[in-house]
C-alpha atoms as a PDB file:
ATOM      1  CA  MET A   1       7.742 -29.829   9.659  1.00  0.00           C
ATOM      2  CA  ARG A   2       8.951 -31.290   6.390  1.00  0.00           C
ATOM      3  CA  LYS A   3       7.386 -28.442   4.393  1.00  0.00           C
ATOM      4  CA  VAL A   4       9.080 -25.886   6.640  1.00  0.00           C
ATOM      5  CA  LYS A   5      12.453 -27.529   6.041  1.00  0.00           C
ATOM      6  CA  ILE A   6      11.816 -27.561   2.298  1.00  0.00           C
ATOM      7  CA  SER A   7      10.846 -23.880   2.290  1.00  0.00           C
ATOM      8  CA  LEU A   8      13.957 -23.006   4.279  1.00  0.00           C
ATOM      9  CA  ALA A   9      16.089 -24.970   1.819  1.00  0.00           C
ATOM     10  CA  VAL A  10      14.576 -23.013  -1.087  1.00  0.00           C
ATOM     11  CA  LEU A  11      15.196 -19.724   0.738  1.00  0.00           C
ATOM     12  CA  LYS A  12      18.765 -20.756   1.486  1.00  0.00           C
ATOM     13  CA  SER A  13      19.392 -21.420  -2.207  1.00  0.00           C
ATOM     14  CA  ASP A  14      17.888 -18.010  -3.081  1.00  0.00           C
ATOM     15  CA  PHE A  15      20.210 -16.183  -0.694  1.00  0.00           C
ATOM     16  CA  ALA A  16      23.187 -18.274  -1.798  1.00  0.00           C
ATOM     17  CA  GLY A  17      22.626 -16.842  -5.279  1.00  0.00           C
ATOM     18  CA  TRP A  18      23.475 -13.358  -3.956  1.00  0.00           C
ATOM     19  CA  ILE A  19      27.177 -14.238  -4.099  1.00  0.00           C
ATOM     20  CA  VAL A  20      27.188 -14.409  -7.905  1.00  0.00           C
ATOM     21  CA  ASN A  21      24.411 -11.886  -8.566  1.00  0.00           C
ATOM     22  CA  CYS A  22      26.160  -8.946 -10.259  1.00  0.00           C
ATOM     23  CA  LYS A  23      22.863  -7.047 -10.475  1.00  0.00           C
ATOM     24  CA  LEU A  24      22.639  -7.041  -6.689  1.00  0.00           C
ATOM     25  CA  TYR A  25      26.079  -5.451  -6.322  1.00  0.00           C
ATOM     26  CA  ILE A  26      25.285  -2.773  -8.915  1.00  0.00           C
ATOM     27  CA  VAL A  27      22.023  -1.849  -7.168  1.00  0.00           C
ATOM     28  CA  ALA A  28      23.722  -1.740  -3.745  1.00  0.00           C
ATOM     29  CA  ILE A  29      26.557   0.498  -4.974  1.00  0.00           C
ATOM     30  CA  LEU A  30      24.195   2.919  -6.702  1.00  0.00           C
ATOM     31  CA  LEU A  31      21.941   3.120  -3.644  1.00  0.00           C
ATOM     32  CA  ILE A  32      24.916   3.869  -1.404  1.00  0.00           C
ATOM     33  CA  ILE A  33      26.223   6.606  -3.707  1.00  0.00           C
ATOM     34  CA  PHE A  34      22.913   8.401  -4.228  1.00  0.00           C
ATOM     35  CA  SER A  35      21.565   8.025  -0.690  1.00  0.00           C
ATOM     36  CA  LEU A  36      24.755   9.485   0.787  1.00  0.00           C
ATOM     37  CA  ASP A  37      24.634  12.294  -1.757  1.00  0.00           C
ATOM     38  CA  ASN A  38      21.025  13.013  -0.743  1.00  0.00           C
ATOM     39  CA  TYR A  39      22.052  13.544   2.890  1.00  0.00           C
ATOM     40  CA  ALA A  40      25.310  15.390   2.125  1.00  0.00           C
ATOM     41  CA  PRO A  41      23.826  18.928   2.670  1.00  0.00           C
ATOM     42  CA  VAL A  42      22.519  17.833   6.086  1.00  0.00           C
ATOM     43  CA  PHE A  43      25.869  16.657   7.402  1.00  0.00           C
ATOM     44  CA  GLU A  44      27.691  19.560   5.789  1.00  0.00           C
ATOM     45  CA  PHE A  45      25.394  21.988   7.617  1.00  0.00           C
ATOM     46  CA  ALA A  46      25.818  20.075  10.884  1.00  0.00           C
ATOM     47  CA  LYS A  47      29.604  20.119  10.541  1.00  0.00           C
ATOM     48  CA  ASN A  48      29.709  23.856   9.798  1.00  0.00           C
ATOM     49  CA  GLU A  49      27.419  24.701  12.725  1.00  0.00           C
ATOM     50  CA  GLY A  50      29.005  22.279  15.182  1.00  0.00           C
ATOM     51  CA  TYR A  51      25.834  20.222  15.697  1.00  0.00           C
ATOM     52  CA  ARG A  52      25.136  16.529  15.501  1.00  0.00           C
ATOM     53  CA  VAL A  53      22.242  14.926  13.618  1.00  0.00           C
ATOM     54  CA  THR A  54      19.530  12.754  15.133  1.00  0.00           C
ATOM     55  CA  PRO A  55      19.271   9.369  13.358  1.00  0.00           C
ATOM     56  CA  PHE A  56      15.824   9.921  11.798  1.00  0.00           C
ATOM     57  CA  LEU A  57      17.151  10.223   8.259  1.00  0.00           C
ATOM     58  CA  PHE A  58      14.962   7.809   6.315  1.00  0.00           C
ATOM     59  CA  PRO A  59      11.817  10.017   6.082  1.00  0.00           C
ATOM     60  CA  PHE A  60      13.911  12.538   4.118  1.00  0.00           C
ATOM     61  CA  LEU A  61      15.402  10.124   1.595  1.00  0.00           C
ATOM     62  CA  PHE A  62      12.348  10.624  -0.617  1.00  0.00           C
ATOM     63  CA  THR A  63      11.776  14.366  -0.230  1.00  0.00           C
ATOM     64  CA  HIS A  64      12.998  14.994  -3.772  1.00  0.00           C
ATOM     65  CA  PRO A  65      10.924  13.217  -6.464  1.00  0.00           C
ATOM     66  CA  PHE A  66      14.090  12.164  -8.300  1.00  0.00           C
ATOM     67  CA  MET A  67      14.859   9.789  -5.446  1.00  0.00           C
ATOM     68  CA  HIS A  68      11.458   8.119  -5.937  1.00  0.00           C
ATOM     69  CA  LEU A  69      12.258   7.606  -9.602  1.00  0.00           C
ATOM     70  CA  PHE A  70      15.799   6.432  -8.967  1.00  0.00           C
ATOM     71  CA  VAL A  71      15.256   4.085  -6.013  1.00  0.00           C
ATOM     72  CA  PHE A  72      12.142   2.369  -7.341  1.00  0.00           C
ATOM     73  CA  THR A  73      13.654   1.955 -10.803  1.00  0.00           C
ATOM     74  CA  LEU A  74      16.453   0.049  -9.086  1.00  0.00           C
ATOM     75  CA  VAL A  75      13.827  -2.004  -7.232  1.00  0.00           C
ATOM     76  CA  ILE A  76      12.286  -2.929 -10.588  1.00  0.00           C
ATOM     77  CA  LEU A  77      15.723  -3.925 -11.854  1.00  0.00           C
ATOM     78  CA  LEU A  78      16.339  -5.999  -8.736  1.00  0.00           C
ATOM     79  CA  PHE A  79      13.122  -8.013  -9.122  1.00  0.00           C
ATOM     80  CA  SER A  80      12.916  -8.017 -12.922  1.00  0.00           C
ATOM     81  CA  ASP A  81      13.426 -11.781 -13.133  1.00  0.00           C
ATOM     82  CA  ALA A  82      11.017 -12.757 -10.318  1.00  0.00           C
ATOM     83  CA  PRO A  83      10.094 -15.523  -9.497  1.00  0.00           C
ATOM     84  CA  PHE A  84      13.813 -16.213  -9.928  1.00  0.00           C
ATOM     85  CA  THR A  85      13.723 -19.453 -11.907  1.00  0.00           C
ATOM     86  CA  ASN A  86      17.039 -21.033 -12.844  1.00  0.00           C
ATOM     87  CA  LYS A  87      18.319 -24.600 -13.095  1.00  0.00           C
ATOM     88  CA  LEU A  88      18.906 -24.869  -9.353  1.00  0.00           C
ATOM     89  CA  GLN A  89      15.497 -23.423  -8.510  1.00  0.00           C
ATOM     90  CA  LEU A  90      13.794 -25.784 -10.984  1.00  0.00           C
ATOM     91  CA  LEU A  91      15.438 -28.678  -9.178  1.00  0.00           C
ATOM     92  CA  MET A  92      14.222 -27.252  -5.864  1.00  0.00           C
ATOM     93  CA  MET A  93      10.720 -26.911  -7.318  1.00  0.00           C
ATOM     94  CA  THR A  94      10.563 -30.557  -8.410  1.00  0.00           C
ATOM     95  CA  ARG A  95      11.659 -31.633  -4.928  1.00  0.00           C
ATOM     96  CA  SER A  96       9.448 -29.270  -2.932  1.00  0.00           C
ATOM     97  CA  GLY A  97       6.392 -28.988  -5.170  1.00  0.00           C
ATOM     98  CA  LYS A  98       5.065 -25.869  -6.903  1.00  0.00           C
ATOM     99  CA  ARG A  99       3.023 -24.501  -4.012  1.00  0.00           C
ATOM    100  CA  ALA A 100       5.822 -24.751  -1.455  1.00  0.00           C
ATOM    101  CA  TRP A 101       8.278 -23.270  -3.953  1.00  0.00           C
ATOM    102  CA  TYR A 102       6.077 -20.256  -4.744  1.00  0.00           C
ATOM    103  CA  VAL A 103       5.404 -19.709  -1.037  1.00  0.00           C
ATOM    104  CA  SER A 104       9.173 -19.653  -0.528  1.00  0.00           C
ATOM    105  CA  GLN A 105       9.607 -17.110  -3.323  1.00  0.00           C
ATOM    106  CA  VAL A 106       7.016 -14.808  -1.726  1.00  0.00           C
ATOM    107  CA  MET A 107       8.805 -15.200   1.620  1.00  0.00           C
ATOM    108  CA  TYR A 108      12.080 -14.384  -0.130  1.00  0.00           C
ATOM    109  CA  LEU A 109      10.544 -11.236  -1.616  1.00  0.00           C
ATOM    110  CA  ILE A 110       9.276 -10.117   1.803  1.00  0.00           C
ATOM    111  CA  ILE A 111      12.665 -10.735   3.414  1.00  0.00           C
ATOM    112  CA  CYS A 112      14.375  -8.814   0.601  1.00  0.00           C
ATOM    113  CA  SER A 113      12.090  -5.835   1.245  1.00  0.00           C
ATOM    114  CA  VAL A 114      13.029  -5.867   4.941  1.00  0.00           C
ATOM    115  CA  VAL A 115      16.749  -6.166   4.137  1.00  0.00           C
ATOM    116  CA  LEU A 116      16.552  -3.354   1.582  1.00  0.00           C
ATOM    117  CA  THR A 117      14.721  -1.083   4.027  1.00  0.00           C
ATOM    118  CA  ALA A 118      17.249  -1.781   6.780  1.00  0.00           C
ATOM    119  CA  PHE A 119      20.097  -1.230   4.313  1.00  0.00           C
ATOM    120  CA  LEU A 120      18.876   2.238   3.304  1.00  0.00           C
ATOM    121  CA  ILE A 121      18.287   3.206   6.938  1.00  0.00           C
ATOM    122  CA  ALA A 122      21.691   1.961   8.088  1.00  0.00           C
ATOM    123  CA  VAL A 123      23.990   3.215   5.292  1.00  0.00           C
ATOM    124  CA  PRO A 124      23.957   6.982   6.103  1.00  0.00           C
ATOM    125  CA  ILE A 125      24.033   6.339   9.858  1.00  0.00           C
ATOM    126  CA  ILE A 126      27.073   4.056   9.603  1.00  0.00           C
ATOM    127  CA  ARG A 127      28.838   6.365   7.150  1.00  0.00           C
ATOM    128  CA  ASN A 128      28.310   9.432   9.394  1.00  0.00           C
ATOM    129  CA  PHE A 129      28.240   7.670  12.751  1.00  0.00           C
ATOM    130  CA  GLY A 130      30.530  10.211  14.423  1.00  0.00           C
ATOM    131  CA  MET A 131      27.995  12.964  13.682  1.00  0.00           C
ATOM    132  CA  ILE A 132      24.930  11.061  14.885  1.00  0.00           C
ATOM    133  CA  VAL A 133      23.359  11.725  18.285  1.00  0.00           C
ATOM    134  CA  PHE A 134      20.721   9.238  19.457  1.00  0.00           C
ATOM    135  CA  LYS A 135      17.908  11.418  20.796  1.00  0.00           C
ATOM    136  CA  ASN A 136      14.177  10.960  20.348  1.00  0.00           C
ATOM    137  CA  ASP A 137      13.535  14.367  18.793  1.00  0.00           C
ATOM    138  CA  TRP A 138      14.271  16.114  15.504  1.00  0.00           C
ATOM    139  CA  GLY A 139      17.142  18.121  16.934  1.00  0.00           C
ATOM    140  CA  LYS A 140      18.554  21.471  15.851  1.00  0.00           C
ATOM    141  CA  VAL A 141      19.818  20.330  12.445  1.00  0.00           C
ATOM    142  CA  TRP A 142      16.531  19.025  11.021  1.00  0.00           C
ATOM    143  CA  THR A 143      14.554  21.873  12.596  1.00  0.00           C
ATOM    144  CA  SER A 144      16.888  24.538  11.200  1.00  0.00           C
ATOM    145  CA  LEU A 145      17.076  23.029   7.727  1.00  0.00           C
ATOM    146  CA  SER A 146      13.281  22.675   7.479  1.00  0.00           C
ATOM    147  CA  THR A 147      12.958  26.464   7.276  1.00  0.00           C
ATOM    148  CA  ALA A 148      16.222  27.137   5.404  1.00  0.00           C
ATOM    149  CA  SER A 149      16.257  28.464   1.853  1.00  0.00           C
ATOM    150  CA  THR A 150      19.168  26.210   0.855  1.00  0.00           C
ATOM    151  CA  VAL A 151      18.582  22.970  -1.047  1.00  0.00           C
ATOM    152  CA  ASN A 152      18.312  20.119   1.436  1.00  0.00           C
ATOM    153  CA  PRO A 153      16.070  17.080   2.009  1.00  0.00           C
ATOM    154  CA  SER A 154      14.413  18.350   5.196  1.00  0.00           C
ATOM    155  CA  SER A 155      10.686  19.146   5.255  1.00  0.00           C
ATOM    156  CA  TYR A 156       8.907  21.674   7.462  1.00  0.00           C
ATOM    157  CA  PHE A 157       5.594  19.837   7.017  1.00  0.00           C
ATOM    158  CA  VAL A 158       7.004  16.545   8.290  1.00  0.00           C
ATOM    159  CA  ILE A 159       8.823  18.083  11.244  1.00  0.00           C
ATOM    160  CA  SER A 160       5.855  20.227  12.292  1.00  0.00           C
ATOM    161  CA  HIS A 161       3.220  17.490  11.968  1.00  0.00           C
ATOM    162  CA  TYR A 162       4.931  14.236  12.940  1.00  0.00           C
ATOM    163  CA  SER A 163       7.203  12.998  15.690  1.00  0.00           C
ATOM    164  CA  PRO A 164      10.528  11.521  14.533  1.00  0.00           C
ATOM    165  CA  MET A 165       9.445   7.963  15.367  1.00  0.00           C
ATOM    166  CA  GLU A 166       6.102   8.372  13.572  1.00  0.00           C
ATOM    167  CA  ALA A 167       7.805   9.585  10.397  1.00  0.00           C
ATOM    168  CA  GLU A 168      10.546   6.927  10.576  1.00  0.00           C
ATOM    169  CA  VAL A 169       8.168   4.015  11.162  1.00  0.00           C
ATOM    170  CA  TYR A 170       5.690   5.163   8.512  1.00  0.00           C
ATOM    171  CA  THR A 171       8.407   5.593   5.869  1.00  0.00           C
ATOM    172  CA  ALA A 172      10.004   2.224   6.691  1.00  0.00           C
ATOM    173  CA  VAL A 173       6.679   0.340   6.593  1.00  0.00           C
ATOM    174  CA  ALA A 174       5.484   2.145   3.451  1.00  0.00           C
ATOM    175  CA  PHE A 175       8.785   1.521   1.666  1.00  0.00           C
ATOM    176  CA  GLY A 176       8.768  -2.162   2.533  1.00  0.00           C
ATOM    177  CA  LEU A 177       5.179  -2.576   1.350  1.00  0.00           C
ATOM    178  CA  ILE A 178       5.854  -0.701  -1.911  1.00  0.00           C
ATOM    179  CA  VAL A 179       8.889  -2.890  -2.595  1.00  0.00           C
ATOM    180  CA  ILE A 180       6.725  -5.987  -2.054  1.00  0.00           C
ATOM    181  CA  PHE A 181       4.010  -4.469  -4.275  1.00  0.00           C
ATOM    182  CA  ILE A 182       6.442  -3.900  -7.149  1.00  0.00           C
ATOM    183  CA  GLY A 183       7.980  -7.349  -6.740  1.00  0.00           C
ATOM    184  CA  MET A 184       4.570  -9.034  -6.616  1.00  0.00           C
ATOM    185  CA  ILE A 185       3.373  -7.284  -9.780  1.00  0.00           C
ATOM    186  CA  ILE A 186       6.439  -8.488 -11.672  1.00  0.00           C
ATOM    187  CA  MET A 187       6.246 -11.989 -10.196  1.00  0.00           C
ATOM    188  CA  LEU A 188       2.536 -12.321 -10.986  1.00  0.00           C
ATOM    189  CA  CYS A 189       2.917 -11.118 -14.591  1.00  0.00           C
ATOM    190  CA  ASN A 190       5.951 -13.320 -15.174  1.00  0.00           C
ATOM    191  CA  THR A 191       3.978 -16.303 -13.857  1.00  0.00           C
ATOM    192  CA  ALA A 192       0.527 -15.683 -15.319  1.00  0.00           C
ATOM    193  CA  LEU A 193       1.433 -14.020 -18.632  1.00  0.00           C
ATOM    194  CA  ARG A 194       4.825 -15.683 -19.162  1.00  0.00           C
ATOM    195  CA  ASN A 195       6.203 -12.354 -20.310  1.00  0.00           C
ATOM    196  CA  LYS A 196       8.759 -10.487 -18.219  1.00  0.00           C
ATOM    197  CA  SER A 197       8.306  -7.241 -20.138  1.00  0.00           C
ATOM    198  CA  ILE A 198       4.675  -6.741 -19.102  1.00  0.00           C
ATOM    199  CA  GLY A 199       5.317  -6.856 -15.356  1.00  0.00           C
ATOM    200  CA  ILE A 200       8.281  -4.515 -15.659  1.00  0.00           C
ATOM    201  CA  ALA A 201       6.212  -2.118 -17.800  1.00  0.00           C
ATOM    202  CA  ILE A 202       3.316  -2.031 -15.317  1.00  0.00           C
ATOM    203  CA  ALA A 203       5.662  -1.395 -12.386  1.00  0.00           C
ATOM    204  CA  ALA A 204       7.414   1.329 -14.395  1.00  0.00           C
ATOM    205  CA  ILE A 205       4.070   3.020 -15.119  1.00  0.00           C
ATOM    206  CA  PHE A 206       3.421   3.399 -11.380  1.00  0.00           C
ATOM    207  CA  VAL A 207       6.859   4.997 -10.965  1.00  0.00           C
ATOM    208  CA  ILE A 208       6.268   7.358 -13.905  1.00  0.00           C
ATOM    209  CA  LEU A 209       2.818   8.341 -12.570  1.00  0.00           C
ATOM    210  CA  ASP A 210       4.479   9.386  -9.328  1.00  0.00           C
ATOM    211  CA  TRP A 211       6.890  11.575 -11.306  1.00  0.00           C
ATOM    212  CA  MET A 212       3.978  13.088 -13.277  1.00  0.00           C
ATOM    213  CA  ALA A 213       2.106  13.843 -10.047  1.00  0.00           C
ATOM    214  CA  ASP A 214       5.032  15.961  -8.966  1.00  0.00           C
ATOM    215  CA  ILE A 215       5.750  17.842 -12.199  1.00  0.00           C
ATOM    216  CA  THR A 216       2.052  18.551 -12.877  1.00  0.00           C
ATOM    217  CA  ASP A 217       1.216  19.218  -9.203  1.00  0.00           C
ATOM    218  CA  ARG A 218      -2.057  17.326  -9.633  1.00  0.00           C
ATOM    219  CA  ALA A 219      -3.141  15.995  -6.240  1.00  0.00           C
ATOM    220  CA  GLU A 220      -5.518  13.439  -7.765  1.00  0.00           C
ATOM    221  CA  LEU A 221      -2.572  11.524  -9.228  1.00  0.00           C
ATOM    222  CA  LEU A 222      -1.344  10.868  -5.693  1.00  0.00           C
ATOM    223  CA  TRP A 223      -4.278   8.476  -5.315  1.00  0.00           C
ATOM    224  CA  VAL A 224      -3.233   6.454  -8.375  1.00  0.00           C
ATOM    225  CA  SER A 225       0.349   5.394  -7.768  1.00  0.00           C
ATOM    226  CA  PRO A 226       1.392   3.725  -4.491  1.00  0.00           C
ATOM    227  CA  VAL A 227       4.948   4.896  -5.206  1.00  0.00           C
ATOM    228  CA  SER A 228       3.805   8.437  -4.321  1.00  0.00           C
ATOM    229  CA  TRP A 229       2.844   7.273  -0.851  1.00  0.00           C
ATOM    230  CA  ILE A 230       6.448   6.837   0.265  1.00  0.00           C
ATOM    231  CA  ASN A 231       6.718  10.574   0.890  1.00  0.00           C
ATOM    232  CA  ILE A 232       4.944  11.387   4.148  1.00  0.00           C
ATOM    233  CA  ASP A 233       5.202  15.037   3.101  1.00  0.00           C
ATOM    234  CA  LYS A 234       2.535  14.299   0.454  1.00  0.00           C
ATOM    235  CA  THR A 235       0.062  12.396   2.638  1.00  0.00           C
ATOM    236  CA  ALA A 236      -2.985  13.912   4.314  1.00  0.00           C
ATOM    237  CA  TYR A 237      -2.869  15.106   7.884  1.00  0.00           C
ATOM    238  CA  SER A 238      -5.859  15.533  10.172  1.00  0.00           C
ATOM    239  CA  ARG A 239      -9.012  16.336   8.167  1.00  0.00           C
ATOM    240  CA  ASP A 240      -7.462  17.044   4.788  1.00  0.00           C
ATOM    241  CA  VAL A 241      -9.426  14.671   2.530  1.00  0.00           C
ATOM    242  CA  ALA A 242      -7.886  15.841  -0.753  1.00  0.00           C
ATOM    243  CA  LEU A 243      -4.859  13.603  -0.202  1.00  0.00           C
ATOM    244  CA  PRO A 244      -4.537   9.945   0.792  1.00  0.00           C
ATOM    245  CA  SER A 245      -3.861   9.652   4.518  1.00  0.00           C
ATOM    246  CA  ALA A 246      -1.032   7.667   6.082  1.00  0.00           C
ATOM    247  CA  ASN A 247      -3.511   5.115   7.467  1.00  0.00           C
ATOM    248  CA  TYR A 248      -5.154   4.800   4.061  1.00  0.00           C
ATOM    249  CA  THR A 249      -1.873   4.210   2.236  1.00  0.00           C
ATOM    250  CA  ILE A 250      -0.663   1.483   4.616  1.00  0.00           C
ATOM    251  CA  THR A 251      -4.048  -0.263   4.596  1.00  0.00           C
ATOM    252  CA  VAL A 252      -4.372  -0.197   0.809  1.00  0.00           C
ATOM    253  CA  LEU A 253      -0.780  -1.330   0.226  1.00  0.00           C
ATOM    254  CA  PHE A 254      -1.194  -4.234   2.642  1.00  0.00           C
ATOM    255  CA  SER A 255      -4.496  -5.229   1.009  1.00  0.00           C
ATOM    256  CA  LEU A 256      -3.088  -4.978  -2.516  1.00  0.00           C
ATOM    257  CA  ASN A 257      -0.149  -7.186  -1.581  1.00  0.00           C
ATOM    258  CA  ILE A 258      -2.470  -9.836  -0.120  1.00  0.00           C
ATOM    259  CA  LEU A 259      -4.602  -9.799  -3.295  1.00  0.00           C
ATOM    260  CA  LEU A 260      -1.507 -10.071  -5.499  1.00  0.00           C
ATOM    261  CA  MET A 261      -0.286 -13.051  -3.462  1.00  0.00           C
ATOM    262  CA  ILE A 262      -3.650 -14.788  -3.832  1.00  0.00           C
ATOM    263  CA  ALA A 263      -3.598 -14.117  -7.572  1.00  0.00           C
ATOM    264  CA  LEU A 264      -0.030 -15.440  -7.805  1.00  0.00           C
ATOM    265  CA  PHE A 265      -0.889 -18.722  -6.079  1.00  0.00           C
ATOM    266  CA  GLY A 266      -3.906 -19.070  -8.356  1.00  0.00           C
ATOM    267  CA  ALA A 267      -1.814 -18.447 -11.476  1.00  0.00           C
ATOM    268  CA  SER A 268       0.968 -20.787 -10.335  1.00  0.00           C
ATOM    269  CA  SER A 269      -1.503 -23.641  -9.812  1.00  0.00           C
ATOM    270  CA  ARG A 270      -2.212 -23.585 -13.556  1.00  0.00           C
ATOM    271  CA  ARG A 271       1.456 -23.888 -14.465  1.00  0.00           C
ATOM    272  CA  ASP A 272       3.388 -27.127 -14.757  1.00  0.00           C
ATOM    273  CA  VAL A 273       7.071 -27.588 -14.057  1.00  0.00           C
ATOM    274  CA  MET A 274       7.802 -28.440 -17.692  1.00  0.00           C
ATOM    275  CA  SER A 275       6.443 -25.138 -19.021  1.00  0.00           C
ATOM    276  CA  ILE A 276       8.328 -23.222 -16.338  1.00  0.00           C
ATOM    277  CA  SER A 277      11.573 -25.014 -17.205  1.00  0.00           C
ATOM    278  CA  GLU A 278      11.208 -24.011 -20.843  1.00  0.00           C
ATOM    279  CA  GLU A 279      11.179 -20.308 -19.820  1.00  0.00           C
ATOM    280  CA  ALA A 280      14.084 -20.517 -17.369  1.00  0.00           C
END
């Protein structure tokens, strides 16, 4: 019970830091601006045609590869200083112990991924609430845009192969796991190698590989970078074995995150509070 209270106290101090975290505000503002811009053609079409849009927007946030690059670069920026050591957190570490403190930081990272996912899902719905109709189907807008020649985020492949709930749940789970994956890479490198640049560079390489997979149209690169797996339009369906399947991507991401957590706890056990305080 005492360890739970300590972990909650560490988490509380992490979230209290949001108030003065300018980086958090910058990331939130940029995500709002670009996510709303991504959906603008959808709501413009709906307004012109007199239709309303079903709320399954999130699967189409990542239709364009630029949004992969943009959103996950902001994720790297957000977690660039993981495991978030400062004077207050060092004090919390000495009181709670290293293991409990690192467990709390992993919990904080997981909660952040959930909050970020919910934020991106909610922003366009809240902004365009008057044009949203809550029905469990794609509706006329998404169906019409999927075969339109105009530039828009809809995808015929997604609409023709997946139900709205399947696409929404997959994208939300995949996004959350990728955010954790990026955060864990940075946290592990910052802890084990004591160099913030290396973790950021490795995470950036995965983002760049996703971009290269798109511009070169090389399907084999889709197996390399988990960032590519956010787009359900690029995952295998049925018996297509040339692309990673949705089940494969979720399983591998979950497994990678578990392995990274184990590696982090192993690396943290070899660190002492004094050496950590010198880097803070």
